[in-house]
Amino acid sequence: YNIINKNIEIKQVINDNLLELGQLIYSNIENKYKDSIKNVKLRTFFPIITGKKNVEDTDINGIYPFFSCSKDIMYSNSYSFNSKSILLAGNGDFNVKYYSGKFEAYQRTYVLTPYNAKLIGLLFFGIRSNITSLTKGNRGSVISFIVKSMIEDFVLKLPENYNCINEINELNVILDSLSSNEKQLTSLLKLKKYLLSSL
């Protein structure tokens, strides 16, 4: 049991470091390419859709991740999505997650699947870096929930040739590592839960 706790702790530290590294790389893009920066609306990159399920559709013993507006991931025995997607909570603390594979989503969780999968890392860290700006109202106050048009019209400042910059590959490698590590962490947490219930 102590070994599981130690591994959970290590995985969480690795995740934090990967997120910090990704944010650092993304934050340097605007400065590095300052002579060719342009405003690009998020609607350019993906359709803005939400999940269709209610929390009642979850199952603690389910095999597919169920993404809601909570930071914690629940589970389901069915899935509606099989993709590499960014999950944006439409209310609550407006957290941003990433998942690759089969999953289910709550009706107030936005599922953002890029037309061009190569841009997933750039978009994940772009949205995560700008989530505070995205969730501010017209007067600068924090809003209660995100609506579709807010996401569609939100602007990222990107280089003219954002499809070709080296940072795309770097951010994708970090995101893949984060995803793999997160899945291992989830397995460890489920194992810990099982052992606790057995004890």
C-alpha atoms as a PDB file:
ATOM      1  CA  TYR A   1       0.000   0.000   0.000  1.00  0.00           C
ATOM      2  CA  ASN A   2       2.859   2.389   0.838  1.00  0.00           C
ATOM      3  CA  ILE A   3       4.494   1.588  -2.503  1.00  0.00           C
ATOM      4  CA  ILE A   4       1.265   2.534  -4.323  1.00  0.00           C
ATOM      5  CA  ASN A   5       1.088   5.836  -2.425  1.00  0.00           C
ATOM      6  CA  LYS A   6       4.695   6.592  -3.295  1.00  0.00           C
ATOM      7  CA  ASN A   7       4.112   5.858  -6.981  1.00  0.00           C
ATOM      8  CA  ILE A   8       0.995   8.061  -6.974  1.00  0.00           C
ATOM      9  CA  GLU A   9       3.023  10.886  -5.464  1.00  0.00           C
ATOM     10  CA  ILE A  10       5.779  10.474  -8.082  1.00  0.00           C
ATOM     11  CA  LYS A  11       3.277  10.434 -10.967  1.00  0.00           C
ATOM     12  CA  GLN A  12       1.627  13.608  -9.672  1.00  0.00           C
ATOM     13  CA  VAL A  13       4.968  15.412  -9.466  1.00  0.00           C
ATOM     14  CA  ILE A  14       5.837  14.306 -13.022  1.00  0.00           C
ATOM     15  CA  ASN A  15       2.455  15.581 -14.254  1.00  0.00           C
ATOM     16  CA  ASP A  16       2.996  18.955 -12.592  1.00  0.00           C
ATOM     17  CA  ASN A  17       6.458  19.244 -14.164  1.00  0.00           C
ATOM     18  CA  LEU A  18       5.173  18.299 -17.632  1.00  0.00           C
ATOM     19  CA  LEU A  19       2.372  20.882 -17.405  1.00  0.00           C
ATOM     20  CA  GLU A  20       4.822  23.547 -16.275  1.00  0.00           C
ATOM     21  CA  LEU A  21       7.208  22.733 -19.129  1.00  0.00           C
ATOM     22  CA  GLY A  22       4.403  22.832 -21.705  1.00  0.00           C
ATOM     23  CA  GLN A  23       3.153  26.176 -20.400  1.00  0.00           C
ATOM     24  CA  LEU A  24       6.690  27.587 -20.563  1.00  0.00           C
ATOM     25  CA  ILE A  25       7.185  26.498 -24.172  1.00  0.00           C
ATOM     26  CA  TYR A  26       3.789  27.899 -25.173  1.00  0.00           C
ATOM     27  CA  SER A  27       4.359  31.222 -23.392  1.00  0.00           C
ATOM     28  CA  ASN A  28       7.600  31.738 -25.328  1.00  0.00           C
ATOM     29  CA  ILE A  29       5.919  31.376 -28.726  1.00  0.00           C
ATOM     30  CA  GLU A  30       4.454  34.887 -28.919  1.00  0.00           C
ATOM     31  CA  ASN A  31       7.781  36.491 -28.029  1.00  0.00           C
ATOM     32  CA  LYS A  32       9.836  34.260 -30.317  1.00  0.00           C
ATOM     33  CA  TYR A  33       7.634  34.907 -33.372  1.00  0.00           C
ATOM     34  CA  LYS A  34       6.574  38.472 -32.452  1.00  0.00           C
ATOM     35  CA  ASP A  35       7.089  39.743 -36.016  1.00  0.00           C
ATOM     36  CA  SER A  36       4.513  37.361 -37.469  1.00  0.00           C
ATOM     37  CA  ILE A  37       1.885  37.035 -34.724  1.00  0.00           C
ATOM     38  CA  LYS A  38      -1.779  37.065 -35.722  1.00  0.00           C
ATOM     39  CA  ASN A  39      -5.093  36.569 -33.940  1.00  0.00           C
ATOM     40  CA  VAL A  40      -6.768  33.225 -34.644  1.00  0.00           C
ATOM     41  CA  LYS A  41     -10.248  32.401 -33.315  1.00  0.00           C
ATOM     42  CA  LEU A  42     -10.728  29.005 -31.676  1.00  0.00           C
ATOM     43  CA  ARG A  43     -13.577  28.206 -34.090  1.00  0.00           C
ATOM     44  CA  THR A  44     -10.828  27.855 -36.728  1.00  0.00           C
ATOM     45  CA  PHE A  45      -9.537  24.693 -35.089  1.00  0.00           C
ATOM     46  CA  PHE A  46     -12.518  22.562 -34.083  1.00  0.00           C
ATOM     47  CA  PRO A  47     -16.310  22.285 -33.842  1.00  0.00           C
ATOM     48  CA  ILE A  48     -17.584  23.341 -30.413  1.00  0.00           C
ATOM     49  CA  ILE A  49     -19.701  20.493 -29.011  1.00  0.00           C
ATOM     50  CA  THR A  50     -20.630  19.222 -25.554  1.00  0.00           C
ATOM     51  CA  GLY A  51     -21.196  15.820 -24.040  1.00  0.00           C
ATOM     52  CA  LYS A  52     -24.780  14.565 -23.771  1.00  0.00           C
ATOM     53  CA  LYS A  53     -24.760  12.523 -20.570  1.00  0.00           C
ATOM     54  CA  ASN A  54     -25.882  13.196 -17.003  1.00  0.00           C
ATOM     55  CA  VAL A  55     -23.935  12.324 -13.861  1.00  0.00           C
ATOM     56  CA  GLU A  56     -26.527   9.580 -13.254  1.00  0.00           C
ATOM     57  CA  ASP A  57     -25.002   7.750 -16.238  1.00  0.00           C
ATOM     58  CA  THR A  58     -21.746   7.147 -14.362  1.00  0.00           C
ATOM     59  CA  ASP A  59     -20.688   3.858 -12.779  1.00  0.00           C
ATOM     60  CA  ILE A  60     -17.935   3.650 -10.176  1.00  0.00           C
ATOM     61  CA  ASN A  61     -16.842   0.357 -11.772  1.00  0.00           C
ATOM     62  CA  GLY A  62     -17.109   1.621 -15.358  1.00  0.00           C
ATOM     63  CA  ILE A  63     -14.259   1.102 -17.814  1.00  0.00           C
ATOM     64  CA  TYR A  64     -14.420   4.385 -19.745  1.00  0.00           C
ATOM     65  CA  PRO A  65     -13.494   7.804 -18.318  1.00  0.00           C
ATOM     66  CA  PHE A  66     -16.463  10.120 -17.813  1.00  0.00           C
ATOM     67  CA  PHE A  67     -15.471  13.785 -17.923  1.00  0.00           C
ATOM     68  CA  SER A  68     -17.600  16.275 -16.029  1.00  0.00           C
ATOM     69  CA  CYS A  69     -16.937  19.825 -14.813  1.00  0.00           C
ATOM     70  CA  SER A  70     -15.134  18.428 -11.771  1.00  0.00           C
ATOM     71  CA  LYS A  71     -11.367  17.973 -11.714  1.00  0.00           C
ATOM     72  CA  ASP A  72     -11.961  14.372 -10.666  1.00  0.00           C
ATOM     73  CA  ILE A  73     -12.643  11.824 -13.395  1.00  0.00           C
ATOM     74  CA  MET A  74     -15.637   9.504 -13.047  1.00  0.00           C
ATOM     75  CA  TYR A  75     -16.370   6.354 -15.072  1.00  0.00           C
ATOM     76  CA  SER A  76     -18.990   4.952 -17.418  1.00  0.00           C
ATOM     77  CA  ASN A  77     -19.799   1.626 -19.086  1.00  0.00           C
ATOM     78  CA  SER A  78     -20.470   3.353 -22.396  1.00  0.00           C
ATOM     79  CA  TYR A  79     -18.653   5.899 -24.544  1.00  0.00           C
ATOM     80  CA  SER A  80     -19.732   8.509 -27.089  1.00  0.00           C
ATOM     81  CA  PHE A  81     -16.271   9.715 -28.137  1.00  0.00           C
ATOM     82  CA  ASN A  82     -13.172   7.994 -29.456  1.00  0.00           C
ATOM     83  CA  SER A  83     -10.691  10.744 -30.198  1.00  0.00           C
ATOM     84  CA  LYS A  84      -7.825  12.956 -29.095  1.00  0.00           C
ATOM     85  CA  SER A  85      -9.735  15.776 -27.442  1.00  0.00           C
ATOM     86  CA  ILE A  86      -9.446  18.728 -25.099  1.00  0.00           C
ATOM     87  CA  LEU A  87     -12.092  18.669 -22.355  1.00  0.00           C
ATOM     88  CA  LEU A  88     -13.114  22.102 -21.131  1.00  0.00           C
ATOM     89  CA  ALA A  89     -15.383  22.381 -18.082  1.00  0.00           C
ATOM     90  CA  GLY A  90     -18.247  24.735 -18.872  1.00  0.00           C
ATOM     91  CA  ASN A  91     -18.664  25.836 -15.258  1.00  0.00           C
ATOM     92  CA  GLY A  92     -17.159  25.284 -11.811  1.00  0.00           C
ATOM     93  CA  ASP A  93     -13.400  25.867 -11.809  1.00  0.00           C
ATOM     94  CA  PHE A  94     -13.214  25.771 -15.657  1.00  0.00           C
ATOM     95  CA  ASN A  95     -10.493  23.115 -15.675  1.00  0.00           C
ATOM     96  CA  VAL A  96      -8.888  21.916 -18.917  1.00  0.00           C
ATOM     97  CA  LYS A  97      -8.079  18.247 -19.504  1.00  0.00           C
ATOM     98  CA  TYR A  98      -6.807  16.112 -22.387  1.00  0.00           C
ATOM     99  CA  TYR A  99      -7.706  12.547 -23.283  1.00  0.00           C
ATOM    100  CA  SER A 100      -6.867  10.171 -26.109  1.00  0.00           C
ATOM    101  CA  GLY A 101      -9.177   7.191 -26.575  1.00  0.00           C
ATOM    102  CA  LYS A 102     -12.759   6.209 -25.755  1.00  0.00           C
ATOM    103  CA  PHE A 103     -14.603   8.350 -23.216  1.00  0.00           C
ATOM    104  CA  GLU A 104     -17.904   9.839 -22.137  1.00  0.00           C
ATOM    105  CA  ALA A 105     -18.698  13.472 -21.311  1.00  0.00           C
ATOM    106  CA  TYR A 106     -21.156  15.437 -19.223  1.00  0.00           C
ATOM    107  CA  GLN A 107     -23.551  17.783 -21.017  1.00  0.00           C
ATOM    108  CA  ARG A 108     -21.816  20.916 -19.691  1.00  0.00           C
ATOM    109  CA  THR A 109     -18.339  19.742 -20.649  1.00  0.00           C
ATOM    110  CA  TYR A 110     -17.041  20.971 -24.006  1.00  0.00           C
ATOM    111  CA  VAL A 111     -15.340  18.338 -26.157  1.00  0.00           C
ATOM    112  CA  LEU A 112     -12.888  20.052 -28.497  1.00  0.00           C
ATOM    113  CA  THR A 113     -11.477  17.706 -31.147  1.00  0.00           C
ATOM    114  CA  PRO A 114      -9.192  19.502 -33.633  1.00  0.00           C
ATOM    115  CA  TYR A 115      -9.728  19.135 -37.367  1.00  0.00           C
ATOM    116  CA  ASN A 116      -5.941  18.795 -37.519  1.00  0.00           C
ATOM    117  CA  ALA A 117      -4.784  16.392 -34.779  1.00  0.00           C
ATOM    118  CA  LYS A 118      -1.214  17.675 -35.169  1.00  0.00           C
ATOM    119  CA  LEU A 119      -2.253  20.890 -33.413  1.00  0.00           C
ATOM    120  CA  ILE A 120      -3.620  19.221 -30.259  1.00  0.00           C
ATOM    121  CA  GLY A 121      -0.636  20.127 -28.041  1.00  0.00           C
ATOM    122  CA  LEU A 122      -0.546  23.733 -29.217  1.00  0.00           C
ATOM    123  CA  LEU A 123      -4.274  24.124 -28.598  1.00  0.00           C
ATOM    124  CA  PHE A 124      -4.285  22.370 -25.223  1.00  0.00           C
ATOM    125  CA  PHE A 125      -1.547  24.575 -23.795  1.00  0.00           C
ATOM    126  CA  GLY A 126      -2.972  27.629 -25.585  1.00  0.00           C
ATOM    127  CA  ILE A 127      -6.383  27.185 -23.951  1.00  0.00           C
ATOM    128  CA  ARG A 128      -4.856  26.271 -20.600  1.00  0.00           C
ATOM    129  CA  SER A 129      -2.630  29.377 -20.671  1.00  0.00           C
ATOM    130  CA  ASN A 130      -5.582  31.625 -21.483  1.00  0.00           C
ATOM    131  CA  ILE A 131      -8.357  30.052 -19.412  1.00  0.00           C
ATOM    132  CA  THR A 132      -8.511  33.064 -17.058  1.00  0.00           C
ATOM    133  CA  SER A 133      -9.052  35.448 -19.979  1.00  0.00           C
ATOM    134  CA  LEU A 134     -11.621  33.124 -21.531  1.00  0.00           C
ATOM    135  CA  THR A 135     -13.690  33.016 -18.353  1.00  0.00           C
ATOM    136  CA  LYS A 136     -13.825  36.763 -17.713  1.00  0.00           C
ATOM    137  CA  GLY A 137     -16.997  38.683 -18.474  1.00  0.00           C
ATOM    138  CA  ASN A 138     -17.222  41.946 -20.374  1.00  0.00           C
ATOM    139  CA  ARG A 139     -16.420  43.923 -17.235  1.00  0.00           C
ATOM    140  CA  GLY A 140     -13.540  41.716 -16.187  1.00  0.00           C
ATOM    141  CA  SER A 141     -15.482  39.790 -13.550  1.00  0.00           C
ATOM    142  CA  VAL A 142     -15.383  35.993 -13.504  1.00  0.00           C
ATOM    143  CA  ILE A 143     -18.437  34.443 -15.188  1.00  0.00           C
ATOM    144  CA  SER A 144     -20.562  31.555 -13.894  1.00  0.00           C
ATOM    145  CA  PHE A 145     -20.431  29.428 -17.036  1.00  0.00           C
ATOM    146  CA  ILE A 146     -18.968  29.311 -20.547  1.00  0.00           C
ATOM    147  CA  VAL A 147     -21.247  29.434 -23.584  1.00  0.00           C
ATOM    148  CA  LYS A 148     -20.417  28.107 -27.039  1.00  0.00           C
ATOM    149  CA  SER A 149     -19.951  31.531 -28.661  1.00  0.00           C
ATOM    150  CA  MET A 150     -17.344  32.518 -26.058  1.00  0.00           C
ATOM    151  CA  ILE A 151     -15.151  29.602 -27.096  1.00  0.00           C
ATOM    152  CA  GLU A 152     -15.755  30.112 -30.815  1.00  0.00           C
ATOM    153  CA  ASP A 153     -14.774  33.775 -30.694  1.00  0.00           C
ATOM    154  CA  PHE A 154     -11.884  33.520 -28.262  1.00  0.00           C
ATOM    155  CA  VAL A 155      -8.570  34.492 -29.843  1.00  0.00           C
ATOM    156  CA  LEU A 156      -5.145  32.864 -29.568  1.00  0.00           C
ATOM    157  CA  LYS A 157      -2.114  34.893 -30.629  1.00  0.00           C
ATOM    158  CA  LEU A 158      -0.152  32.573 -32.937  1.00  0.00           C
ATOM    159  CA  PRO A 159       2.560  32.870 -35.577  1.00  0.00           C
ATOM    160  CA  GLU A 160       1.486  33.200 -39.203  1.00  0.00           C
ATOM    161  CA  ASN A 161       2.930  29.740 -39.917  1.00  0.00           C
ATOM    162  CA  TYR A 162       1.734  28.082 -36.678  1.00  0.00           C
ATOM    163  CA  ASN A 163       1.264  24.780 -38.565  1.00  0.00           C
ATOM    164  CA  CYS A 164       5.002  24.501 -39.136  1.00  0.00           C
ATOM    165  CA  ILE A 165       6.723  25.752 -35.974  1.00  0.00           C
ATOM    166  CA  ASN A 166       8.979  23.373 -34.016  1.00  0.00           C
ATOM    167  CA  GLU A 167       7.000  23.948 -30.860  1.00  0.00           C
ATOM    168  CA  ILE A 168       4.096  21.912 -32.286  1.00  0.00           C
ATOM    169  CA  ASN A 169       6.098  18.685 -32.073  1.00  0.00           C
ATOM    170  CA  GLU A 170       7.565  19.575 -28.684  1.00  0.00           C
ATOM    171  CA  LEU A 171       4.143  20.263 -27.177  1.00  0.00           C
ATOM    172  CA  ASN A 172       2.699  17.050 -28.653  1.00  0.00           C
ATOM    173  CA  VAL A 173       5.503  14.972 -27.097  1.00  0.00           C
ATOM    174  CA  ILE A 174       4.830  16.595 -23.718  1.00  0.00           C
ATOM    175  CA  LEU A 175       1.078  16.052 -24.061  1.00  0.00           C
ATOM    176  CA  ASP A 176       1.524  12.376 -25.029  1.00  0.00           C
ATOM    177  CA  SER A 177       3.794  11.869 -22.006  1.00  0.00           C
ATOM    178  CA  LEU A 178       1.274  13.630 -19.794  1.00  0.00           C
ATOM    179  CA  SER A 179      -1.555  11.457 -21.148  1.00  0.00           C
ATOM    180  CA  SER A 180       0.371   8.219 -20.631  1.00  0.00           C
ATOM    181  CA  ASN A 181       1.383   9.236 -17.127  1.00  0.00           C
ATOM    182  CA  GLU A 182      -2.182  10.300 -16.286  1.00  0.00           C
ATOM    183  CA  LYS A 183      -3.561   6.905 -17.342  1.00  0.00           C
ATOM    184  CA  GLN A 184      -1.016   5.133 -15.121  1.00  0.00           C
ATOM    185  CA  LEU A 185      -1.934   7.451 -12.261  1.00  0.00           C
ATOM    186  CA  THR A 186      -5.631   6.699 -12.753  1.00  0.00           C
ATOM    187  CA  SER A 187      -4.914   2.951 -12.602  1.00  0.00           C
ATOM    188  CA  LEU A 188      -2.953   3.396  -9.384  1.00  0.00           C
ATOM    189  CA  LEU A 189      -5.750   5.438  -7.804  1.00  0.00           C
ATOM    190  CA  LYS A 190      -8.320   2.775  -8.737  1.00  0.00           C
ATOM    191  CA  LEU A 191      -6.061   0.092  -7.270  1.00  0.00           C
ATOM    192  CA  LYS A 192      -5.676   2.127  -4.071  1.00  0.00           C
ATOM    193  CA  LYS A 193      -9.450   2.520  -3.848  1.00  0.00           C
ATOM    194  CA  TYR A 194      -9.931  -1.213  -4.302  1.00  0.00           C
ATOM    195  CA  LEU A 195      -7.376  -2.069  -1.620  1.00  0.00           C
ATOM    196  CA  LEU A 196      -8.956   0.371   0.816  1.00  0.00           C
ATOM    197  CA  SER A 197     -12.391  -1.163   0.282  1.00  0.00           C
ATOM    198  CA  SER A 198     -10.932  -4.655   0.763  1.00  0.00           C
ATOM    199  CA  LEU A 199      -9.244  -3.655   4.010  1.00  0.00           C
END
